[in-house]
Amino acid sequence: MVNVSYDRPHNAFILEYAGNVTAEETRRAHVEMNKLVPSGGKGFKVLVDLCGVETMEVEVENEIKEAMKSPLASGAREVLHVLPDPESDFAFETLVRYFAPKNVKCVNFRSRSAAQKYLDESPPL
């Protein structure tokens, strides 16, 4: 399952992955997210919460790479990952650095509460 929402006070898009994540539902979520981006939208954050993932199809990686080439990615200034496994940090930082625009900041957290605290304490972009 992939849930998409927009947190207006923090100017942040939220992607929550949980359960058994498929490439198809990831693709649909990215399409939905791009619909939420205001025309000419720039300077927002994207929070990607992977804490609830039980399994993830290998093809999801390709969907994430494609999403990083989308209009959404061109407007994002920060990508926040909630990764409970420290070994995942390198893989996601590499994806962001290789596929996202160069001016995107990547920040990793171990819990959703830590990511939410970061959003609460940092000014909207």
N, C-alpha and C. Protein backbone atom coordinates (compact mmCIF):
# COMPACT_ATOMS: atom_id res chain seq x y z
N MET A 1 0.83 -1.17 0.00
CA MET A 1 0.00 0.00 0.00
C MET A 1 0.89 1.25 0.00
N VAL A 2 0.44 2.25 -0.74
CA VAL A 2 1.12 3.54 -0.77
C VAL A 2 0.08 4.62 -0.60
N ASN A 3 0.22 5.45 0.43
CA ASN A 3 -0.67 6.59 0.66
C ASN A 3 0.06 7.87 0.31
N VAL A 4 -0.68 8.78 -0.32
CA VAL A 4 -0.14 10.08 -0.73
C VAL A 4 -0.97 11.17 -0.07
N SER A 5 -0.29 12.17 0.49
CA SER A 5 -1.00 13.32 1.05
C SER A 5 -0.12 14.56 0.95
N TYR A 6 -0.74 15.69 1.16
CA TYR A 6 -0.01 16.97 1.15
C TYR A 6 -0.22 17.64 2.49
N ASP A 7 0.87 18.00 3.14
CA ASP A 7 0.86 18.68 4.44
C ASP A 7 1.09 20.17 4.16
N ARG A 8 -0.01 20.92 4.03
CA ARG A 8 0.07 22.33 3.65
C ARG A 8 0.90 23.18 4.63
N PRO A 9 0.70 23.05 5.96
CA PRO A 9 1.48 23.90 6.87
C PRO A 9 3.00 23.75 6.71
N HIS A 10 3.43 22.54 6.32
CA HIS A 10 4.87 22.29 6.16
C HIS A 10 5.31 22.31 4.71
N ASN A 11 4.36 22.55 3.80
CA ASN A 11 4.63 22.52 2.36
C ASN A 11 5.39 21.24 2.00
N ALA A 12 4.78 20.11 2.41
CA ALA A 12 5.44 18.82 2.23
C ALA A 12 4.47 17.78 1.68
N PHE A 13 4.95 17.01 0.72
CA PHE A 13 4.21 15.86 0.23
C PHE A 13 4.65 14.65 1.04
N ILE A 14 3.69 13.82 1.41
CA ILE A 14 3.97 12.66 2.24
C ILE A 14 3.65 11.40 1.43
N LEU A 15 4.62 10.51 1.34
CA LEU A 15 4.43 9.19 0.73
C LEU A 15 4.65 8.16 1.83
N GLU A 16 3.60 7.40 2.16
CA GLU A 16 3.71 6.38 3.19
C GLU A 16 3.57 5.01 2.54
N TYR A 17 4.62 4.21 2.65
CA TYR A 17 4.63 2.85 2.11
C TYR A 17 4.41 1.89 3.27
N ALA A 18 3.51 0.91 3.06
CA ALA A 18 3.25 -0.05 4.13
C ALA A 18 2.81 -1.39 3.53
N GLY A 19 3.04 -2.44 4.29
CA GLY A 19 2.61 -3.77 3.86
C GLY A 19 3.44 -4.28 2.70
N ASN A 20 2.76 -4.92 1.74
CA ASN A 20 3.42 -5.48 0.57
C ASN A 20 3.28 -4.49 -0.59
N VAL A 21 4.34 -3.80 -0.90
CA VAL A 21 4.31 -2.69 -1.86
C VAL A 21 4.61 -3.21 -3.27
N THR A 22 3.72 -2.89 -4.21
CA THR A 22 3.90 -3.32 -5.60
C THR A 22 4.31 -2.13 -6.46
N ALA A 23 4.89 -2.44 -7.60
CA ALA A 23 5.29 -1.41 -8.56
C ALA A 23 4.07 -0.66 -9.08
N GLU A 24 2.98 -1.38 -9.32
CA GLU A 24 1.76 -0.75 -9.85
C GLU A 24 1.18 0.27 -8.89
N GLU A 25 1.07 -0.08 -7.61
CA GLU A 25 0.52 0.88 -6.67
C GLU A 25 1.48 2.05 -6.45
N THR A 26 2.76 1.81 -6.56
CA THR A 26 3.74 2.89 -6.46
C THR A 26 3.59 3.84 -7.64
N ARG A 27 3.41 3.29 -8.83
CA ARG A 27 3.20 4.11 -10.03
C ARG A 27 1.95 4.99 -9.87
N ARG A 28 0.86 4.38 -9.41
CA ARG A 28 -0.39 5.14 -9.22
C ARG A 28 -0.21 6.25 -8.18
N ALA A 29 0.52 5.96 -7.12
CA ALA A 29 0.75 6.97 -6.08
C ALA A 29 1.56 8.14 -6.63
N HIS A 30 2.55 7.85 -7.47
CA HIS A 30 3.36 8.93 -8.04
C HIS A 30 2.53 9.78 -9.00
N VAL A 31 1.65 9.16 -9.75
CA VAL A 31 0.75 9.92 -10.64
C VAL A 31 -0.15 10.82 -9.80
N GLU A 32 -0.71 10.27 -8.73
CA GLU A 32 -1.58 11.05 -7.84
C GLU A 32 -0.81 12.22 -7.22
N MET A 33 0.40 11.97 -6.80
CA MET A 33 1.21 13.01 -6.18
C MET A 33 1.48 14.13 -7.17
N ASN A 34 1.79 13.80 -8.41
CA ASN A 34 2.05 14.83 -9.42
C ASN A 34 0.81 15.68 -9.68
N LYS A 35 -0.38 15.11 -9.53
CA LYS A 35 -1.62 15.87 -9.69
C LYS A 35 -1.78 16.92 -8.59
N LEU A 36 -1.22 16.63 -7.42
CA LEU A 36 -1.34 17.54 -6.29
C LEU A 36 -0.38 18.71 -6.35
N VAL A 37 0.66 18.60 -7.16
CA VAL A 37 1.66 19.67 -7.25
C VAL A 37 1.04 20.87 -7.95
N PRO A 38 1.04 22.04 -7.30
CA PRO A 38 0.49 23.22 -7.96
C PRO A 38 1.28 23.56 -9.22
N SER A 39 0.60 24.15 -10.18
CA SER A 39 1.28 24.57 -11.42
C SER A 39 2.44 25.48 -11.06
N GLY A 40 3.62 25.14 -11.56
CA GLY A 40 4.81 25.93 -11.25
C GLY A 40 5.29 25.75 -9.83
N GLY A 41 4.75 24.72 -9.13
CA GLY A 41 5.12 24.50 -7.73
C GLY A 41 6.60 24.21 -7.57
N LYS A 42 7.22 24.92 -6.66
CA LYS A 42 8.64 24.73 -6.38
C LYS A 42 8.89 24.94 -4.90
N GLY A 43 9.98 24.38 -4.43
CA GLY A 43 10.42 24.66 -3.07
C GLY A 43 9.68 23.90 -1.99
N PHE A 44 9.27 22.68 -2.24
CA PHE A 44 8.58 21.91 -1.22
C PHE A 44 9.45 20.74 -0.78
N LYS A 45 8.98 20.07 0.27
CA LYS A 45 9.66 18.88 0.80
C LYS A 45 8.85 17.64 0.42
N VAL A 46 9.54 16.51 0.36
CA VAL A 46 8.88 15.22 0.14
C VAL A 46 9.35 14.30 1.26
N LEU A 47 8.39 13.80 2.04
CA LEU A 47 8.70 12.87 3.11
C LEU A 47 8.29 11.48 2.66
N VAL A 48 9.23 10.56 2.66
CA VAL A 48 9.00 9.18 2.23
C VAL A 48 9.17 8.28 3.46
N ASP A 49 8.05 7.73 3.93
CA ASP A 49 8.06 6.89 5.13
C ASP A 49 7.99 5.43 4.72
N LEU A 50 9.05 4.69 4.98
CA LEU A 50 9.14 3.27 4.61
C LEU A 50 9.07 2.34 5.82
N CYS A 51 8.71 2.87 6.97
CA CYS A 51 8.71 2.07 8.21
C CYS A 51 7.75 0.89 8.18
N GLY A 52 6.63 1.03 7.49
CA GLY A 52 5.63 -0.02 7.51
C GLY A 52 5.78 -1.08 6.43
N VAL A 53 6.85 -1.01 5.65
CA VAL A 53 7.02 -1.95 4.54
C VAL A 53 7.36 -3.35 5.07
N GLU A 54 6.60 -4.32 4.58
CA GLU A 54 6.90 -5.72 4.88
C GLU A 54 7.69 -6.33 3.73
N THR A 55 7.18 -6.13 2.50
CA THR A 55 7.90 -6.56 1.30
C THR A 55 7.72 -5.48 0.23
N MET A 56 8.64 -5.45 -0.71
CA MET A 56 8.58 -4.47 -1.79
C MET A 56 9.09 -5.15 -3.06
N GLU A 57 8.28 -5.08 -4.12
CA GLU A 57 8.71 -5.66 -5.39
C GLU A 57 9.97 -4.95 -5.88
N VAL A 58 10.84 -5.70 -6.51
CA VAL A 58 12.10 -5.15 -7.03
C VAL A 58 11.83 -4.01 -8.01
N GLU A 59 10.74 -4.12 -8.78
CA GLU A 59 10.42 -3.11 -9.79
C GLU A 59 10.07 -1.75 -9.19
N VAL A 60 9.80 -1.69 -7.89
CA VAL A 60 9.50 -0.42 -7.24
C VAL A 60 10.69 0.53 -7.39
N GLU A 61 11.90 0.00 -7.40
CA GLU A 61 13.09 0.84 -7.57
C GLU A 61 12.99 1.63 -8.87
N ASN A 62 12.57 1.00 -9.96
CA ASN A 62 12.43 1.71 -11.24
C ASN A 62 11.36 2.78 -11.16
N GLU A 63 10.28 2.53 -10.44
CA GLU A 63 9.23 3.54 -10.28
C GLU A 63 9.75 4.75 -9.50
N ILE A 64 10.57 4.50 -8.50
CA ILE A 64 11.15 5.60 -7.73
C ILE A 64 12.10 6.41 -8.60
N LYS A 65 12.90 5.72 -9.40
CA LYS A 65 13.80 6.44 -10.32
C LYS A 65 13.02 7.30 -11.29
N GLU A 66 11.94 6.77 -11.84
CA GLU A 66 11.11 7.55 -12.77
C GLU A 66 10.48 8.75 -12.07
N ALA A 67 10.04 8.56 -10.84
CA ALA A 67 9.43 9.66 -10.09
C ALA A 67 10.42 10.79 -9.87
N MET A 68 11.68 10.47 -9.75
CA MET A 68 12.69 11.49 -9.54
C MET A 68 12.96 12.32 -10.79
N LYS A 69 12.44 11.91 -11.91
CA LYS A 69 12.58 12.67 -13.15
C LYS A 69 11.33 13.50 -13.44
N SER A 70 10.33 13.41 -12.61
CA SER A 70 9.03 14.02 -12.85
C SER A 70 9.02 15.50 -12.46
N PRO A 71 7.93 16.20 -12.80
CA PRO A 71 7.78 17.60 -12.37
C PRO A 71 7.84 17.73 -10.86
N LEU A 72 7.36 16.72 -10.16
CA LEU A 72 7.42 16.74 -8.71
C LEU A 72 8.86 16.88 -8.23
N ALA A 73 9.74 16.06 -8.80
CA ALA A 73 11.14 16.08 -8.38
C ALA A 73 11.80 17.42 -8.69
N SER A 74 11.41 18.04 -9.79
CA SER A 74 12.06 19.30 -10.15
C SER A 74 11.68 20.42 -9.21
N GLY A 75 10.57 20.27 -8.47
CA GLY A 75 10.18 21.31 -7.52
C GLY A 75 10.60 21.01 -6.09
N ALA A 76 10.97 19.77 -5.81
CA ALA A 76 11.36 19.40 -4.45
C ALA A 76 12.72 19.99 -4.10
N ARG A 77 12.84 20.46 -2.88
CA ARG A 77 14.13 20.97 -2.40
C ARG A 77 14.72 20.08 -1.33
N GLU A 78 13.87 19.27 -0.68
CA GLU A 78 14.34 18.34 0.33
C GLU A 78 13.57 17.03 0.20
N VAL A 79 14.29 15.92 0.35
CA VAL A 79 13.66 14.61 0.42
C VAL A 79 14.02 14.02 1.78
N LEU A 80 13.00 13.72 2.56
CA LEU A 80 13.18 13.17 3.89
C LEU A 80 12.78 11.70 3.85
N HIS A 81 13.69 10.83 4.22
CA HIS A 81 13.40 9.39 4.24
C HIS A 81 13.28 8.92 5.68
N VAL A 82 12.25 8.15 5.97
CA VAL A 82 12.13 7.48 7.25
C VAL A 82 12.49 6.03 6.99
N LEU A 83 13.69 5.67 7.43
CA LEU A 83 14.26 4.35 7.15
C LEU A 83 14.65 3.70 8.48
N PRO A 84 13.91 2.71 8.94
CA PRO A 84 14.25 2.10 10.22
C PRO A 84 15.56 1.32 10.20
N ASP A 85 16.01 0.94 9.02
CA ASP A 85 17.24 0.15 8.87
C ASP A 85 18.39 1.03 8.40
N PRO A 86 19.41 1.25 9.23
CA PRO A 86 20.52 2.11 8.84
C PRO A 86 21.22 1.67 7.55
N GLU A 87 21.15 0.39 7.22
CA GLU A 87 21.80 -0.09 6.01
C GLU A 87 21.11 0.42 4.75
N SER A 88 19.89 0.92 4.88
CA SER A 88 19.16 1.47 3.74
C SER A 88 19.58 2.90 3.39
N ASP A 89 20.21 3.59 4.33
CA ASP A 89 20.58 4.99 4.12
C ASP A 89 21.36 5.18 2.83
N PHE A 90 22.41 4.40 2.66
CA PHE A 90 23.29 4.58 1.50
C PHE A 90 22.53 4.40 0.20
N ALA A 91 21.69 3.37 0.13
CA ALA A 91 20.95 3.09 -1.10
C ALA A 91 20.04 4.25 -1.47
N PHE A 92 19.30 4.78 -0.50
CA PHE A 92 18.38 5.87 -0.81
C PHE A 92 19.11 7.18 -1.07
N GLU A 93 20.18 7.45 -0.35
CA GLU A 93 20.97 8.65 -0.65
C GLU A 93 21.55 8.57 -2.05
N THR A 94 22.00 7.39 -2.45
CA THR A 94 22.54 7.21 -3.80
C THR A 94 21.47 7.44 -4.85
N LEU A 95 20.27 6.89 -4.63
CA LEU A 95 19.16 7.13 -5.57
C LEU A 95 18.89 8.62 -5.73
N VAL A 96 18.80 9.33 -4.61
CA VAL A 96 18.51 10.76 -4.67
C VAL A 96 19.64 11.51 -5.35
N ARG A 97 20.86 11.23 -4.99
CA ARG A 97 21.99 11.96 -5.57
C ARG A 97 22.16 11.68 -7.07
N TYR A 98 21.87 10.46 -7.49
CA TYR A 98 22.09 10.08 -8.88
C TYR A 98 20.93 10.50 -9.79
N PHE A 99 19.71 10.37 -9.30
CA PHE A 99 18.55 10.60 -10.16
C PHE A 99 17.83 11.92 -9.94
N ALA A 100 17.94 12.51 -8.77
CA ALA A 100 17.24 13.77 -8.50
C ALA A 100 18.12 14.95 -8.92
N PRO A 101 17.48 16.12 -9.11
CA PRO A 101 18.28 17.31 -9.41
C PRO A 101 19.32 17.55 -8.31
N LYS A 102 20.42 18.17 -8.67
CA LYS A 102 21.57 18.33 -7.77
C LYS A 102 21.28 19.18 -6.53
N ASN A 103 20.28 20.06 -6.61
CA ASN A 103 20.01 20.95 -5.49
C ASN A 103 19.06 20.36 -4.44
N VAL A 104 18.76 19.08 -4.54
CA VAL A 104 17.86 18.43 -3.58
C VAL A 104 18.66 17.91 -2.39
N LYS A 105 18.23 18.33 -1.21
CA LYS A 105 18.87 17.89 0.04
C LYS A 105 18.20 16.60 0.49
N CYS A 106 19.00 15.64 0.93
CA CYS A 106 18.49 14.35 1.40
C CYS A 106 18.78 14.23 2.90
N VAL A 107 17.73 13.93 3.68
CA VAL A 107 17.88 13.77 5.12
C VAL A 107 17.20 12.46 5.51
N ASN A 108 17.89 11.62 6.29
CA ASN A 108 17.35 10.33 6.71
C ASN A 108 17.03 10.35 8.20
N PHE A 109 15.94 9.65 8.56
CA PHE A 109 15.49 9.55 9.94
C PHE A 109 15.20 8.09 10.26
N ARG A 110 15.25 7.73 11.52
CA ARG A 110 14.96 6.37 11.96
C ARG A 110 13.49 6.19 12.32
N SER A 111 12.79 7.30 12.58
CA SER A 111 11.38 7.19 12.97
C SER A 111 10.57 8.32 12.35
N ARG A 112 9.28 8.09 12.22
CA ARG A 112 8.39 9.12 11.69
C ARG A 112 8.32 10.31 12.64
N SER A 113 8.38 10.03 13.94
CA SER A 113 8.32 11.13 14.90
C SER A 113 9.53 12.05 14.76
N ALA A 114 10.70 11.50 14.48
CA ALA A 114 11.89 12.33 14.27
C ALA A 114 11.75 13.17 13.00
N ALA A 115 11.19 12.57 11.95
CA ALA A 115 10.97 13.32 10.71
C ALA A 115 9.93 14.41 10.93
N GLN A 116 8.87 14.11 11.69
CA GLN A 116 7.84 15.11 11.97
C GLN A 116 8.42 16.26 12.79
N LYS A 117 9.28 15.94 13.74
CA LYS A 117 9.93 16.99 14.54
C LYS A 117 10.75 17.90 13.63
N TYR A 118 11.47 17.32 12.69
CA TYR A 118 12.25 18.10 11.72
C TYR A 118 11.33 19.03 10.94
N LEU A 119 10.21 18.50 10.45
CA LEU A 119 9.26 19.34 9.71
C LEU A 119 8.73 20.46 10.59
N ASP A 120 8.39 20.15 11.84
CA ASP A 120 7.83 21.14 12.75
C ASP A 120 8.83 22.25 13.07
N GLU A 121 10.12 21.89 13.13
CA GLU A 121 11.13 22.87 13.55
C GLU A 121 11.80 23.60 12.39
N SER A 122 11.65 23.11 11.18
CA SER A 122 12.28 23.78 10.03
C SER A 122 11.23 24.63 9.31
N PRO A 123 11.66 25.78 8.84
CA PRO A 123 10.69 26.64 8.15
C PRO A 123 10.28 26.02 6.80
N PRO A 124 9.05 26.29 6.37
CA PRO A 124 8.66 25.82 5.03
C PRO A 124 9.58 26.42 3.98
N LEU A 125 9.80 25.68 2.92
CA LEU A 125 10.67 26.17 1.85
C LEU A 125 9.91 27.10 0.93
